[in-house]
N, C-alpha and C. Protein backbone atom coordinates (compact mmCIF):
# COMPACT_ATOMS: atom_id res chain seq x y z
N MET A 1 131.62 91.01 28.55
CA MET A 1 130.80 91.92 28.01
C MET A 1 131.23 92.92 27.65
N THR A 2 130.60 93.86 26.79
CA THR A 2 131.39 95.06 26.23
C THR A 2 130.64 95.70 26.48
N LYS A 3 131.23 96.94 27.17
CA LYS A 3 130.55 98.24 27.64
C LYS A 3 130.31 99.10 26.53
N GLY A 4 128.61 99.31 26.82
CA GLY A 4 128.03 99.83 25.40
C GLY A 4 126.76 100.52 25.75
N ARG A 5 126.06 101.28 25.17
CA ARG A 5 124.70 101.97 25.25
C ARG A 5 123.63 100.40 25.89
N ALA A 6 122.43 101.35 26.70
CA ALA A 6 121.11 100.62 27.16
C ALA A 6 120.96 100.60 25.95
N PRO A 7 119.92 99.26 25.93
CA PRO A 7 119.04 99.16 24.66
C PRO A 7 118.29 100.04 24.41
N GLN A 8 117.56 99.75 23.83
CA GLN A 8 116.93 101.21 22.72
C GLN A 8 115.11 101.27 23.98
N TYR A 9 115.10 100.41 24.10
CA TYR A 9 113.41 99.80 25.26
C TYR A 9 114.18 100.54 26.20
N ILE A 10 114.82 100.54 27.37
CA ILE A 10 115.36 100.93 28.20
C ILE A 10 115.50 102.74 28.06
N ARG A 11 116.20 102.81 27.08
CA ARG A 11 116.83 104.45 26.66
C ARG A 11 115.27 105.39 26.31
N ASP A 12 114.19 104.60 25.62
CA ASP A 12 113.17 105.52 25.22
C ASP A 12 112.20 105.22 27.01
N ARG A 13 112.29 104.40 28.10
CA ARG A 13 111.57 104.43 29.09
C ARG A 13 112.06 105.34 30.50
N ARG A 14 113.48 105.72 30.10
CA ARG A 14 114.09 106.35 30.76
C ARG A 14 113.89 108.31 30.45
N SER A 15 113.54 108.37 28.76
CA SER A 15 113.49 109.69 28.75
C SER A 15 111.98 110.17 28.25
N GLN A 16 111.22 109.49 28.72
CA GLN A 16 109.48 109.75 29.11
C GLN A 16 109.44 109.94 30.56
N ARG A 17 108.66 111.44 30.01
CA ARG A 17 108.41 111.84 31.51
C ARG A 17 106.86 111.10 32.37
N SER A 18 107.68 110.53 33.41
CA SER A 18 106.16 109.67 33.93
C SER A 18 105.20 111.10 35.01
N PRO A 19 103.77 110.47 34.72
CA PRO A 19 102.74 111.82 34.63
C PRO A 19 103.16 112.17 35.97
N ALA A 20 102.91 113.48 36.65
CA ALA A 20 102.72 113.72 37.93
C ALA A 20 101.53 113.25 38.79
N PRO A 21 101.91 112.41 39.70
CA PRO A 21 101.07 111.73 40.73
C PRO A 21 99.92 112.49 41.06
N GLN A 22 98.87 111.99 40.85
CA GLN A 22 97.75 113.04 40.91
C GLN A 22 97.78 112.62 43.36
N SER A 23 97.17 114.06 43.55
CA SER A 23 96.56 113.77 44.67
C SER A 23 95.63 113.32 44.97
N PRO A 24 95.59 112.92 45.69
CA PRO A 24 94.29 112.04 46.34
C PRO A 24 92.77 113.39 46.72
N PRO A 25 91.47 113.06 46.21
CA PRO A 25 90.71 114.23 46.61
C PRO A 25 90.85 115.16 47.80
N LYS A 26 90.53 116.03 48.09
CA LYS A 26 90.43 116.65 49.09
C LYS A 26 88.99 116.41 50.08
N ARG A 27 88.86 116.15 51.09
CA ARG A 27 88.17 115.72 51.57
C ARG A 27 87.56 116.41 52.77
N TRP A 28 86.14 116.68 52.71
CA TRP A 28 85.89 118.20 53.37
C TRP A 28 86.22 118.11 54.88
N TRP A 29 85.49 117.05 55.70
CA TRP A 29 85.94 117.03 56.73
C TRP A 29 87.63 116.28 57.63
N LYS A 30 88.42 116.53 56.83
CA LYS A 30 89.62 116.23 57.69
C LYS A 30 90.77 117.38 58.33
N VAL A 31 89.87 118.76 57.61
CA VAL A 31 90.62 119.85 58.67
C VAL A 31 89.65 120.46 59.69
N PRO A 32 88.59 119.90 60.01
CA PRO A 32 87.73 119.71 61.30
C PRO A 32 88.07 118.78 61.99
N LEU A 33 88.60 117.78 61.83
CA LEU A 33 88.24 116.30 62.34
C LEU A 33 90.08 116.77 63.08
N GLU A 34 90.95 116.81 62.35
CA GLU A 34 92.20 117.88 62.79
C GLU A 34 92.07 118.31 63.93
N ILE A 35 91.46 119.48 63.49
CA ILE A 35 90.81 120.77 64.96
C ILE A 35 90.11 119.92 65.87
N PHE A 36 89.58 118.87 65.77
CA PHE A 36 88.63 118.52 66.74
C PHE A 36 89.83 117.40 68.03
N LEU A 37 90.20 116.89 66.92
CA LEU A 37 91.52 115.91 67.79
C LEU A 37 92.42 116.75 68.58
N GLY A 38 93.00 117.70 67.71
CA GLY A 38 94.17 118.60 68.53
C GLY A 38 93.43 119.10 69.88
N PHE A 39 92.18 119.71 69.29
CA PHE A 39 91.40 120.13 70.88
C PHE A 39 90.99 119.14 72.05
N CYS A 40 90.93 117.67 71.56
CA CYS A 40 90.41 116.48 72.08
C CYS A 40 92.29 115.99 73.15
N ALA A 41 93.07 116.35 72.27
CA ALA A 41 94.17 116.16 72.67
C ALA A 41 94.72 117.08 74.13
N VAL A 42 94.72 118.37 74.07
CA VAL A 42 95.41 119.50 74.77
C VAL A 42 94.05 119.23 76.00
N VAL A 43 93.06 118.93 75.95
CA VAL A 43 91.84 118.88 77.52
C VAL A 43 92.35 117.76 78.17
N SER A 44 92.60 116.48 77.26
CA SER A 44 93.11 115.75 78.28
C SER A 44 95.04 115.78 78.75
N LEU A 45 95.46 116.65 78.61
CA LEU A 45 96.27 116.53 78.75
C LEU A 45 95.88 117.84 80.37
N LEU A 46 95.00 118.47 79.85
CA LEU A 46 95.18 119.52 80.90
C LEU A 46 94.29 118.61 82.41
N ALA A 47 93.51 117.89 81.65
CA ALA A 47 93.07 116.91 82.93
C ALA A 47 93.72 115.72 83.75
N ALA A 48 94.65 115.24 83.13
CA ALA A 48 95.95 114.42 83.09
C ALA A 48 97.22 115.71 84.42
N GLY A 49 96.92 116.70 83.87
CA GLY A 49 97.46 117.80 85.02
C GLY A 49 97.24 117.90 86.59
N VAL A 50 95.98 118.30 85.87
CA VAL A 50 95.28 118.91 86.63
C VAL A 50 95.34 117.27 88.25
N THR A 51 94.66 116.36 87.35
CA THR A 51 94.82 115.06 88.27
C THR A 51 95.62 114.72 89.48
N PHE A 52 96.88 114.82 88.41
CA PHE A 52 97.61 114.61 88.79
C PHE A 52 98.82 115.42 89.59
N LEU A 53 98.10 116.41 89.52
CA LEU A 53 99.35 117.48 90.09
C LEU A 53 99.14 117.89 91.66
N PRO A 54 98.23 117.57 92.29
CA PRO A 54 97.61 117.79 93.35
C PRO A 54 98.64 116.81 94.35
N LYS A 55 99.62 117.44 95.53
CA LYS A 55 100.25 116.59 96.34
C LYS A 55 99.63 117.48 97.47
N LEU A 56 99.22 116.16 97.97
CA LEU A 56 99.05 116.07 99.80
C LEU A 56 100.24 114.95 100.68
N SER A 57 100.09 115.52 102.14
CA SER A 57 101.11 115.06 102.85
C SER A 57 100.50 115.10 103.85
N VAL A 58 100.38 113.80 105.13
CA VAL A 58 100.07 113.93 106.13
C VAL A 58 101.20 113.75 107.07
N ASP A 59 100.81 114.43 108.25
CA ASP A 59 102.09 114.39 109.66
C ASP A 59 101.11 114.58 110.50
N THR A 60 102.20 114.77 112.02
CA THR A 60 101.47 115.21 113.41
C THR A 60 101.63 116.17 113.41
N SER A 61 101.32 117.07 114.70
CA SER A 61 101.31 118.64 114.78
C SER A 61 101.46 118.37 116.88
N GLY A 62 101.54 117.51 117.46
CA GLY A 62 101.23 117.54 118.29
C GLY A 62 100.75 116.16 119.02
N SER A 63 100.56 116.16 120.30
CA SER A 63 99.65 115.30 121.06
C SER A 63 99.08 115.13 122.08
N LEU A 64 97.92 115.61 122.02
CA LEU A 64 96.37 115.56 123.03
C LEU A 64 97.16 115.00 124.45
N ARG A 65 97.49 113.87 124.69
CA ARG A 65 97.59 112.87 125.18
C ARG A 65 99.05 112.16 124.76
N SER A 66 100.03 112.37 125.56
CA SER A 66 101.56 112.06 124.84
C SER A 66 101.67 110.18 125.39
N ARG A 67 100.75 109.49 126.61
CA ARG A 67 101.14 108.37 126.40
C ARG A 67 100.47 107.29 125.70
N ASP A 68 98.91 108.22 124.66
CA ASP A 68 98.16 107.60 124.29
C ASP A 68 98.83 107.63 122.52
N PRO A 69 98.91 106.35 121.78
CA PRO A 69 98.97 106.91 120.51
C PRO A 69 97.55 107.38 119.58
N MET A 70 96.98 107.42 120.10
CA MET A 70 95.50 108.17 119.68
C MET A 70 95.56 109.03 120.25
N GLY A 71 95.76 110.17 120.79
CA GLY A 71 95.88 110.92 121.27
C GLY A 71 96.62 111.91 120.31
N THR A 72 97.05 111.39 119.60
CA THR A 72 98.25 112.29 118.71
C THR A 72 97.32 113.18 117.60
N VAL A 73 97.10 114.60 117.21
CA VAL A 73 96.55 115.27 116.06
C VAL A 73 97.81 115.08 114.73
N PHE A 74 96.42 114.47 113.84
CA PHE A 74 97.11 114.68 112.49
C PHE A 74 96.64 115.79 111.86
N TYR A 75 97.66 116.17 110.79
CA TYR A 75 96.75 117.05 109.57
C TYR A 75 97.21 116.95 108.26
N ILE A 76 96.46 117.60 107.86
CA ILE A 76 96.71 117.00 106.41
C ILE A 76 97.48 118.30 105.43
N SER A 77 98.34 118.41 105.19
CA SER A 77 98.63 119.45 104.43
C SER A 77 98.47 119.58 102.72
N ASN A 78 97.95 120.46 101.83
CA ASN A 78 98.33 120.93 100.70
C ASN A 78 99.30 121.58 99.97
N ASP A 79 100.56 120.29 99.33
CA ASP A 79 101.90 121.14 99.12
C ASP A 79 101.95 121.14 97.39
N GLY A 80 100.36 121.42 96.78
CA GLY A 80 100.65 121.28 95.81
C GLY A 80 100.64 122.87 94.92
N LEU A 81 100.00 123.56 93.70
CA LEU A 81 99.71 124.51 92.81
C LEU A 81 98.43 124.92 93.63
N LEU A 82 98.00 124.09 93.47
CA LEU A 82 95.84 124.31 92.72
C LEU A 82 95.12 123.89 94.21
N PRO A 83 94.16 124.56 94.75
CA PRO A 83 92.91 124.36 95.74
C PRO A 83 92.50 123.21 95.50
N LEU A 84 92.39 122.30 96.25
CA LEU A 84 91.94 121.01 95.87
C LEU A 84 90.41 120.99 96.91
N TYR A 85 88.79 119.98 96.67
CA TYR A 85 87.60 120.75 96.64
C TYR A 85 87.38 119.55 97.25
N ASP A 86 86.13 119.86 98.16
CA ASP A 86 85.51 118.72 98.95
C ASP A 86 86.25 117.56 99.63
N ILE A 87 86.65 117.93 99.81
CA ILE A 87 87.80 117.13 100.77
C ILE A 87 87.04 116.88 102.22
N THR A 88 87.09 115.49 102.03
CA THR A 88 86.43 114.17 103.44
C THR A 88 87.95 113.74 104.07
N VAL A 89 87.99 113.05 105.11
CA VAL A 89 89.38 112.67 105.84
C VAL A 89 88.36 111.19 106.32
N ASP A 90 88.87 110.26 106.50
CA ASP A 90 88.37 109.69 106.88
C ASP A 90 89.33 108.88 107.62
N CYS A 91 89.45 108.12 109.15
CA CYS A 91 90.29 107.56 109.63
C CYS A 91 90.36 105.79 110.08
N GLY A 92 91.17 105.37 108.90
CA GLY A 92 91.34 103.87 108.74
C GLY A 92 91.80 103.00 109.51
N ILE A 93 91.21 102.56 110.57
CA ILE A 93 92.02 101.68 111.55
C ILE A 93 92.23 100.00 111.37
N TYR A 94 93.48 99.81 111.23
CA TYR A 94 93.62 98.83 110.66
C TYR A 94 94.03 97.67 111.76
N ASP A 95 94.56 98.06 112.66
CA ASP A 95 94.93 97.55 114.24
C ASP A 95 95.40 98.24 115.50
N VAL A 96 94.86 97.63 116.40
CA VAL A 96 95.18 98.43 117.18
C VAL A 96 94.91 97.38 118.73
N GLN A 97 96.29 97.46 119.72
CA GLN A 97 96.06 96.84 120.66
C GLN A 97 95.45 97.81 121.90
N ALA A 98 95.36 96.90 122.67
CA ALA A 98 95.17 97.51 124.50
C ALA A 98 95.82 96.72 125.03
N PRO A 99 95.92 96.62 126.47
CA PRO A 99 96.19 95.96 127.44
C PRO A 99 94.91 94.54 127.78
N ARG A 100 93.23 95.02 127.90
CA ARG A 100 92.65 94.07 127.56
C ARG A 100 91.72 94.03 125.78
N ILE A 101 92.12 94.45 125.02
CA ILE A 101 91.35 94.41 123.83
C ILE A 101 92.56 94.54 122.29
N THR A 102 91.68 93.56 121.72
CA THR A 102 92.91 93.72 120.68
C THR A 102 92.17 93.79 119.28
N PHE A 103 92.49 94.71 118.48
CA PHE A 103 91.21 94.69 117.29
C PHE A 103 92.13 94.56 115.64
N HIS A 104 92.29 93.36 114.59
CA HIS A 104 92.61 93.33 114.04
C HIS A 104 91.30 93.77 112.32
N GLY A 105 91.35 94.71 111.93
CA GLY A 105 90.27 94.83 111.18
C GLY A 105 90.79 95.37 110.06
N ASN A 106 89.72 96.00 109.39
CA ASN A 106 89.48 97.15 108.64
C ASN A 106 88.82 98.06 108.34
N PHE A 107 88.46 98.73 109.14
CA PHE A 107 87.40 99.62 108.62
C PHE A 107 87.57 101.16 109.10
N ALA A 108 87.17 102.04 108.69
CA ALA A 108 86.65 103.75 108.77
C ALA A 108 86.36 104.36 109.64
N VAL A 109 86.83 105.35 110.27
CA VAL A 109 85.72 106.29 111.03
C VAL A 109 85.42 107.52 110.48
N ARG A 110 84.50 108.30 110.27
CA ARG A 110 84.43 109.38 109.75
C ARG A 110 83.74 110.19 110.96
N PHE A 111 83.93 111.73 110.85
CA PHE A 111 83.50 112.37 111.94
C PHE A 111 83.39 113.43 111.17
N PRO A 112 81.29 114.19 111.88
CA PRO A 112 80.99 115.42 111.15
C PRO A 112 81.84 116.53 110.37
N ASP A 113 82.92 116.34 111.56
CA ASP A 113 84.12 117.75 111.00
C ASP A 113 84.99 117.18 110.29
N SER A 114 84.82 116.33 109.96
CA SER A 114 86.10 115.71 108.74
C SER A 114 86.03 116.14 107.51
N HIS A 115 85.38 117.53 107.14
CA HIS A 115 84.90 117.41 105.85
C HIS A 115 85.35 119.43 105.60
N ALA A 116 86.01 119.48 104.71
CA ALA A 116 86.18 121.08 104.37
C ALA A 116 85.78 121.15 102.45
N ASP A 117 85.55 122.66 102.32
CA ASP A 117 85.22 122.81 100.82
C ASP A 117 85.86 122.79 100.00
N VAL A 118 87.29 123.44 100.51
CA VAL A 118 88.32 124.07 99.73
C VAL A 118 89.66 123.88 100.83
N LEU A 119 90.60 123.25 99.85
CA LEU A 119 92.04 123.38 101.20
C LEU A 119 92.67 123.83 100.08
N HIS A 120 93.04 125.03 99.93
CA HIS A 120 93.61 125.82 99.19
C HIS A 120 95.76 125.51 99.78
N PRO A 121 96.13 125.75 98.68
CA PRO A 121 97.95 125.40 98.03
C PRO A 121 98.75 126.25 99.66
N GLY A 122 99.17 125.17 100.32
CA GLY A 122 99.84 125.67 101.65
C GLY A 122 98.66 125.77 102.70
N HIS A 123 98.10 125.79 102.99
CA HIS A 123 97.34 125.42 104.08
C HIS A 123 97.35 124.01 104.43
N LYS A 124 96.39 123.87 105.72
CA LYS A 124 96.69 122.64 106.55
C LYS A 124 95.01 122.30 107.26
N MET A 125 94.90 121.04 107.58
CA MET A 125 93.59 120.81 107.59
C MET A 125 94.11 120.00 109.10
N THR A 126 92.90 120.23 109.74
CA THR A 126 93.28 118.92 110.85
C THR A 126 92.11 117.88 110.92
N THR A 127 92.75 116.88 111.50
CA THR A 127 91.95 115.34 111.15
C THR A 127 91.82 115.08 112.45
N PRO A 128 90.30 114.89 112.83
CA PRO A 128 89.84 114.00 113.93
C PRO A 128 90.03 112.80 114.57
N CYS A 129 90.82 112.08 113.93
CA CYS A 129 91.40 110.94 114.02
C CYS A 129 91.95 110.36 115.56
N ALA A 130 91.99 111.82 116.68
CA ALA A 130 92.45 111.22 117.98
C ALA A 130 91.09 110.88 117.83
N HIS A 131 90.00 111.28 118.09
CA HIS A 131 88.66 110.45 118.51
C HIS A 131 88.40 109.16 118.11
N ALA A 132 88.86 108.82 117.22
CA ALA A 132 88.60 107.34 116.52
C ALA A 132 88.51 106.61 117.07
N VAL A 133 89.44 106.40 118.79
CA VAL A 133 89.72 105.46 119.49
C VAL A 133 89.88 105.89 120.66
N ASN A 134 89.73 105.37 121.84
CA ASN A 134 89.98 106.34 122.66
C ASN A 134 90.52 105.34 123.93
N VAL A 135 91.17 104.73 123.74
CA VAL A 135 91.56 103.49 124.37
C VAL A 135 93.25 104.05 124.77
N GLN A 136 93.77 103.13 126.03
CA GLN A 136 95.06 103.11 126.32
C GLN A 136 95.86 102.30 125.05
N ALA A 137 96.15 102.29 124.00
CA ALA A 137 96.23 101.27 122.99
C ALA A 137 98.00 100.93 123.09
N THR A 138 98.79 100.04 123.21
CA THR A 138 99.83 99.51 123.48
C THR A 138 100.81 99.14 121.78
N SER A 139 99.87 99.35 121.00
CA SER A 139 100.60 99.43 119.15
C SER A 139 98.88 99.89 118.66
N ALA A 140 99.51 100.34 117.57
CA ALA A 140 98.44 101.11 116.50
C ALA A 140 99.08 101.12 114.90
N ARG A 141 98.11 100.33 114.05
CA ARG A 141 98.33 100.52 112.79
C ARG A 141 96.81 101.72 112.37
N ILE A 142 97.38 102.48 111.82
CA ILE A 142 96.19 103.41 111.21
C ILE A 142 96.35 103.99 109.77
N ALA A 143 95.19 104.25 109.16
CA ALA A 143 95.66 105.27 107.80
C ALA A 143 94.81 106.22 107.66
N ILE A 144 95.08 107.64 107.31
CA ILE A 144 94.63 108.73 106.79
C ILE A 144 93.93 108.46 105.79
N ILE A 145 92.90 108.25 105.57
CA ILE A 145 92.41 108.17 104.01
C ILE A 145 91.58 109.83 103.87
N VAL A 146 92.09 110.17 102.44
CA VAL A 146 91.83 111.48 102.17
C VAL A 146 90.75 111.38 100.69
N ASP A 147 89.44 111.77 100.92
CA ASP A 147 88.53 111.61 99.24
C ASP A 147 88.72 113.44 98.91
N TYR A 148 88.62 113.53 97.47
CA TYR A 148 89.15 114.91 97.50
C TYR A 148 88.87 115.01 95.99
N ARG A 149 88.22 116.34 95.58
CA ARG A 149 88.15 116.43 93.67
C ARG A 149 89.08 117.44 93.63
N PRO A 150 89.93 117.50 92.34
CA PRO A 150 91.23 118.63 91.80
C PRO A 150 90.28 119.01 91.47
N PRO A 151 91.06 120.39 91.26
CA PRO A 151 89.69 121.60 90.16
C PRO A 151 89.53 121.23 89.21
N TRP A 152 88.68 122.00 88.16
CA TRP A 152 88.36 122.00 87.11
C TRP A 152 87.42 120.26 86.59
N VAL A 153 87.24 119.54 87.42
CA VAL A 153 87.22 118.37 87.28
C VAL A 153 85.71 117.57 88.02
N TRP A 154 85.26 116.88 87.25
CA TRP A 154 84.11 116.15 88.64
C TRP A 154 84.38 114.78 89.28
N TRP A 155 85.30 113.97 89.11
CA TRP A 155 85.43 112.48 89.51
C TRP A 155 86.89 113.59 91.00
N HIS A 156 86.11 111.98 91.75
CA HIS A 156 87.11 112.68 93.07
C HIS A 156 88.06 111.33 92.84
N ARG A 157 89.41 111.98 93.91
CA ARG A 157 90.59 111.09 94.02
C ARG A 157 90.61 110.79 95.36
N ARG A 158 91.29 109.43 95.62
CA ARG A 158 91.42 108.89 97.01
C ARG A 158 92.36 108.67 96.84
N GLU A 159 93.44 109.51 98.62
CA GLU A 159 94.92 108.65 98.57
C GLU A 159 94.82 108.04 99.97
N GLN A 160 95.57 107.37 100.60
CA GLN A 160 95.34 106.69 101.78
C GLN A 160 97.04 106.38 102.10
N PHE A 161 97.02 107.02 103.62
CA PHE A 161 98.72 107.51 104.37
C PHE A 161 98.69 106.32 105.53
N PRO A 162 99.12 105.59 105.06
CA PRO A 162 99.48 104.11 106.07
C PRO A 162 100.68 105.12 107.03
N LEU A 163 99.98 104.62 108.65
CA LEU A 163 100.63 105.29 109.60
C LEU A 163 101.18 104.26 111.00
N GLU A 164 102.44 104.05 111.64
CA GLU A 164 102.28 102.97 112.57
C GLU A 164 102.96 103.81 113.83
N ALA A 165 102.11 103.62 115.08
CA ALA A 165 102.91 104.13 116.02
C ALA A 165 104.31 103.44 116.56
N GLU A 166 104.78 103.92 117.16
CA GLU A 166 105.89 103.32 117.86
C GLU A 166 105.96 103.66 119.50
N ARG A 167 106.15 103.18 120.23
CA ARG A 167 106.59 103.69 121.74
C ARG A 167 108.30 104.41 121.51
N SER A 168 108.55 105.41 122.25
CA SER A 168 109.89 105.97 122.32
C SER A 168 110.87 105.34 123.98
N GLU A 169 111.06 105.86 124.14
CA GLU A 169 111.74 105.33 125.35
C GLU A 169 111.36 106.38 126.81
N ASP A 170 111.18 106.97 126.00
CA ASP A 170 110.25 108.13 127.58
C ASP A 170 108.51 107.72 127.72
N GLY A 171 108.47 106.90 126.83
CA GLY A 171 107.22 106.24 126.67
C GLY A 171 106.09 107.03 125.86
N THR A 172 106.56 107.98 125.29
CA THR A 172 105.15 108.96 124.47
C THR A 172 105.54 108.68 123.42
N TRP A 173 104.22 108.50 122.38
CA TRP A 173 104.55 107.70 121.17
C TRP A 173 104.63 108.67 119.93
N ILE A 174 105.49 108.09 118.56
CA ILE A 174 105.88 108.44 117.79
C ILE A 174 105.17 107.66 116.14
N TRP A 175 104.39 108.76 115.30
CA TRP A 175 104.14 107.98 113.97
C TRP A 175 104.99 108.13 113.59
N LYS A 176 104.87 107.06 112.46
CA LYS A 176 105.97 107.43 111.16
C LYS A 176 105.29 106.80 110.21
N ASN A 177 105.48 106.76 108.56
CA ASN A 177 104.90 106.31 107.84
C ASN A 177 105.16 105.02 107.32
N ILE A 178 104.26 104.67 106.92
CA ILE A 178 104.81 103.03 106.60
C ILE A 178 104.78 103.53 105.03
N PRO A 179 105.47 102.89 104.24
CA PRO A 179 105.54 102.68 102.67
C PRO A 179 104.72 102.04 101.66
N ARG A 180 103.96 103.22 101.28
CA ARG A 180 102.39 102.67 100.21
C ARG A 180 102.65 102.13 99.76
């Protein structure tokens, strides 16, 4: 094959300018829709942050009756950055064994003083779970169940903190967190 010029029809096609592509007609609703979707995305991110940002923890602050696992005073601490609203604490009883009684089940106890309107960051709330079972138990497994409402939203969240009592060598009881 010889090197030469391209055939005439190809040269003509190359020299012709293609017409400028026409842009699709502008839609009147496109800009308001983009603004609305951007607003929805921002609101969704804020709601997700407010919902998942709260951080609660449960710890013991001492014992009213050191030889009884149910004599321990528990408290809930707001370790997050935002206040929590409409807090209700339930004491879930899973397993309690005493010399004459054994209970295996799943029920929750709520006391009148287990509610708070606001729990500010860095503050603590005492739970009345020491009153839930008043027996000389030999072992116990409970859960502190906390219902609360994050700020600026209408829904409630529920967190459970399972705990198990272990007897130390001196006969006092130590509560340990069970992994969730």
